[in-house]
Amino acid sequence: MADHITIEEIPGTWVVRAGGAVIGESARVLMLREGEYPPVVYFPRADIAMAFLDESAKVSHCPHKGDATHYSIQTKSVILPDAAWSYEAPKDGVAEIAGHMAFYDRDTVTVEEV
């Protein structure tokens, strides 16, 4: 793992809301910290309502984590483009995030501990 990345299980129950609706809830989240970037909460896929997410064409690359597939979220009234991402086959040093999803925390999507 790159020496500036740490991944740890964090306590508590966490939720992700999109368009006001809870689309995920988990007590098994991972917190990834990477250098000076804000920490990112990764939810197990099994704890996300995947029926509301559609894989988009966007793929981004991180030299430390690998290629990230992005997902749009369908809310009751609007599509939130590229609002989530997942490393389907992360690099060995960050293998713990395989099978997990992260979300851009913005005004239409929120990630919080409850």
C-alpha atoms as a PDB file:
ATOM      1  CA  MET A   1       0.000   0.000   0.000  1.00  0.00           C
ATOM      2  CA  ALA A   2       1.165   3.500  -0.641  1.00  0.00           C
ATOM      3  CA  ASP A   3       2.512   4.871   2.625  1.00  0.00           C
ATOM      4  CA  HIS A   4       0.110   7.820   2.469  1.00  0.00           C
ATOM      5  CA  ILE A   5      -3.055   5.638   2.369  1.00  0.00           C
ATOM      6  CA  THR A   6      -4.660   4.030   5.409  1.00  0.00           C
ATOM      7  CA  ILE A   7      -7.828   1.939   5.528  1.00  0.00           C
ATOM      8  CA  GLU A   8      -9.629   0.981   8.713  1.00  0.00           C
ATOM      9  CA  GLU A   9     -12.995  -0.291   9.846  1.00  0.00           C
ATOM     10  CA  ILE A  10     -14.780   2.401  11.783  1.00  0.00           C
ATOM     11  CA  PRO A  11     -17.437   1.952  14.440  1.00  0.00           C
ATOM     12  CA  GLY A  12     -21.017   3.116  14.271  1.00  0.00           C
ATOM     13  CA  THR A  13     -23.809   2.907  11.770  1.00  0.00           C
ATOM     14  CA  TRP A  14     -23.451   4.992   8.627  1.00  0.00           C
ATOM     15  CA  VAL A  15     -26.024   5.966   6.003  1.00  0.00           C
ATOM     16  CA  VAL A  16     -25.910   7.375   2.511  1.00  0.00           C
ATOM     17  CA  ARG A  17     -28.881   9.458   1.361  1.00  0.00           C
ATOM     18  CA  ALA A  18     -29.639  10.585  -2.172  1.00  0.00           C
ATOM     19  CA  GLY A  19     -32.501  12.899  -2.976  1.00  0.00           C
ATOM     20  CA  GLY A  20     -33.609  12.599   0.655  1.00  0.00           C
ATOM     21  CA  ALA A  21     -33.976   8.784   0.578  1.00  0.00           C
ATOM     22  CA  VAL A  22     -31.685   6.344   2.367  1.00  0.00           C
ATOM     23  CA  ILE A  23     -30.034   4.176  -0.288  1.00  0.00           C
ATOM     24  CA  GLY A  24     -27.548   2.508   2.023  1.00  0.00           C
ATOM     25  CA  GLU A  25     -26.974   1.769   5.695  1.00  0.00           C
ATOM     26  CA  SER A  26     -24.099  -0.157   7.224  1.00  0.00           C
ATOM     27  CA  ALA A  27     -22.258  -0.867  10.450  1.00  0.00           C
ATOM     28  CA  ARG A  28     -19.391  -2.356   8.396  1.00  0.00           C
ATOM     29  CA  VAL A  29     -17.919   0.668   6.635  1.00  0.00           C
ATOM     30  CA  LEU A  30     -14.282   1.353   5.865  1.00  0.00           C
ATOM     31  CA  MET A  31     -12.605   4.742   6.170  1.00  0.00           C
ATOM     32  CA  LEU A  32      -9.881   5.440   3.601  1.00  0.00           C
ATOM     33  CA  ARG A  33      -7.492   8.280   4.292  1.00  0.00           C
ATOM     34  CA  GLU A  34      -5.150   9.385   1.536  1.00  0.00           C
ATOM     35  CA  GLY A  35      -2.635  12.125   2.213  1.00  0.00           C
ATOM     36  CA  GLU A  36      -4.226  15.559   2.454  1.00  0.00           C
ATOM     37  CA  TYR A  37      -7.532  14.492   0.835  1.00  0.00           C
ATOM     38  CA  PRO A  38     -10.650  14.367   3.030  1.00  0.00           C
ATOM     39  CA  PRO A  39     -11.365  10.862   4.398  1.00  0.00           C
ATOM     40  CA  VAL A  40     -13.740   8.707   2.333  1.00  0.00           C
ATOM     41  CA  VAL A  41     -16.295   6.240   3.703  1.00  0.00           C
ATOM     42  CA  TYR A  42     -16.640   3.002   1.708  1.00  0.00           C
ATOM     43  CA  PHE A  43     -19.866   1.006   2.107  1.00  0.00           C
ATOM     44  CA  PRO A  44     -20.085  -2.737   1.423  1.00  0.00           C
ATOM     45  CA  ARG A  45     -22.057  -3.225  -1.790  1.00  0.00           C
ATOM     46  CA  ALA A  46     -24.359  -5.656   0.013  1.00  0.00           C
ATOM     47  CA  ASP A  47     -25.546  -2.736   2.185  1.00  0.00           C
ATOM     48  CA  ILE A  48     -26.401  -0.441  -0.762  1.00  0.00           C
ATOM     49  CA  ALA A  49     -29.720  -0.483  -2.663  1.00  0.00           C
ATOM     50  CA  MET A  50     -27.989  -1.140  -5.986  1.00  0.00           C
ATOM     51  CA  ALA A  51     -31.328  -0.943  -7.858  1.00  0.00           C
ATOM     52  CA  PHE A  52     -30.981   2.864  -7.631  1.00  0.00           C
ATOM     53  CA  LEU A  53     -27.494   2.926  -9.171  1.00  0.00           C
ATOM     54  CA  ASP A  54     -26.543   2.599 -12.822  1.00  0.00           C
ATOM     55  CA  GLU A  55     -22.989   2.162 -14.039  1.00  0.00           C
ATOM     56  CA  SER A  56     -21.928   5.171 -16.078  1.00  0.00           C
ATOM     57  CA  ALA A  57     -19.371   5.457 -18.847  1.00  0.00           C
ATOM     58  CA  LYS A  58     -16.964   7.366 -16.602  1.00  0.00           C
ATOM     59  CA  VAL A  59     -13.826   5.578 -15.428  1.00  0.00           C
ATOM     60  CA  SER A  60     -11.138   7.376 -13.466  1.00  0.00           C
ATOM     61  CA  HIS A  61      -7.635   6.222 -12.596  1.00  0.00           C
ATOM     62  CA  CYS A  62      -5.648   6.526  -9.387  1.00  0.00           C
ATOM     63  CA  PRO A  63      -2.008   5.400  -9.525  1.00  0.00           C
ATOM     64  CA  HIS A  64      -2.333   3.987  -5.990  1.00  0.00           C
ATOM     65  CA  LYS A  65      -5.807   2.412  -6.075  1.00  0.00           C
ATOM     66  CA  GLY A  66      -6.399   1.531  -9.740  1.00  0.00           C
ATOM     67  CA  ASP A  67      -9.369   2.202 -12.030  1.00  0.00           C
ATOM     68  CA  ALA A  68     -12.658   3.373 -10.523  1.00  0.00           C
ATOM     69  CA  THR A  69     -15.997   2.664 -12.147  1.00  0.00           C
ATOM     70  CA  HIS A  70     -18.543   5.437 -11.582  1.00  0.00           C
ATOM     71  CA  TYR A  71     -22.275   5.156 -10.971  1.00  0.00           C
ATOM     72  CA  SER A  72     -25.214   7.497 -11.361  1.00  0.00           C
ATOM     73  CA  ILE A  73     -28.016   7.459  -8.790  1.00  0.00           C
ATOM     74  CA  GLN A  74     -31.668   7.512  -9.816  1.00  0.00           C
ATOM     75  CA  THR A  75     -33.727   9.404  -7.230  1.00  0.00           C
ATOM     76  CA  LYS A  76     -37.488   9.863  -7.269  1.00  0.00           C
ATOM     77  CA  SER A  77     -37.217  12.963  -9.446  1.00  0.00           C
ATOM     78  CA  VAL A  78     -33.736  13.222 -10.973  1.00  0.00           C
ATOM     79  CA  ILE A  79     -30.613  11.329 -11.997  1.00  0.00           C
ATOM     80  CA  LEU A  80     -27.460  12.272 -10.079  1.00  0.00           C
ATOM     81  CA  PRO A  81     -24.664  11.623 -12.591  1.00  0.00           C
ATOM     82  CA  ASP A  82     -21.429   9.980 -11.453  1.00  0.00           C
ATOM     83  CA  ALA A  83     -22.382  10.303  -7.772  1.00  0.00           C
ATOM     84  CA  ALA A  84     -20.650   7.108  -6.617  1.00  0.00           C
ATOM     85  CA  TRP A  85     -17.609   5.041  -7.471  1.00  0.00           C
ATOM     86  CA  SER A  86     -16.126   1.633  -6.858  1.00  0.00           C
ATOM     87  CA  TYR A  87     -12.739   0.040  -7.452  1.00  0.00           C
ATOM     88  CA  GLU A  88     -13.804  -3.272  -8.985  1.00  0.00           C
ATOM     89  CA  ALA A  89     -10.247  -4.634  -8.978  1.00  0.00           C
ATOM     90  CA  PRO A  90      -8.199  -2.366  -6.682  1.00  0.00           C
ATOM     91  CA  LYS A  91      -4.439  -2.626  -6.462  1.00  0.00           C
ATOM     92  CA  ASP A  92      -3.078  -5.125  -3.947  1.00  0.00           C
ATOM     93  CA  GLY A  93      -2.189  -2.492  -1.356  1.00  0.00           C
ATOM     94  CA  VAL A  94      -5.823  -1.374  -1.048  1.00  0.00           C
ATOM     95  CA  ALA A  95      -7.571  -4.694  -1.681  1.00  0.00           C
ATOM     96  CA  GLU A  96      -9.871  -4.131   1.321  1.00  0.00           C
ATOM     97  CA  ILE A  97     -12.000  -1.689  -0.694  1.00  0.00           C
ATOM     98  CA  ALA A  98     -12.951  -4.335  -3.273  1.00  0.00           C
ATOM     99  CA  GLY A  99     -16.698  -4.908  -3.076  1.00  0.00           C
ATOM    100  CA  HIS A 100     -17.257  -1.454  -1.572  1.00  0.00           C
ATOM    101  CA  MET A 101     -18.704   1.802  -2.882  1.00  0.00           C
ATOM    102  CA  ALA A 102     -17.980   5.424  -2.047  1.00  0.00           C
ATOM    103  CA  PHE A 103     -20.141   8.481  -2.680  1.00  0.00           C
ATOM    104  CA  TYR A 104     -19.438  12.105  -3.480  1.00  0.00           C
ATOM    105  CA  ASP A 105     -20.773  13.917  -0.416  1.00  0.00           C
ATOM    106  CA  ARG A 106     -22.569  16.937  -1.880  1.00  0.00           C
ATOM    107  CA  ASP A 107     -25.843  18.767  -1.414  1.00  0.00           C
ATOM    108  CA  THR A 108     -27.822  15.994  -3.166  1.00  0.00           C
ATOM    109  CA  VAL A 109     -25.934  13.042  -1.630  1.00  0.00           C
ATOM    110  CA  THR A 110     -24.952  12.840   2.032  1.00  0.00           C
ATOM    111  CA  VAL A 111     -22.863  10.329   3.965  1.00  0.00           C
ATOM    112  CA  GLU A 112     -23.162  10.444   7.742  1.00  0.00           C
ATOM    113  CA  GLU A 113     -22.993   8.471  10.944  1.00  0.00           C
ATOM    114  CA  VAL A 114     -26.384   7.962  12.635  1.00  0.00           C
END
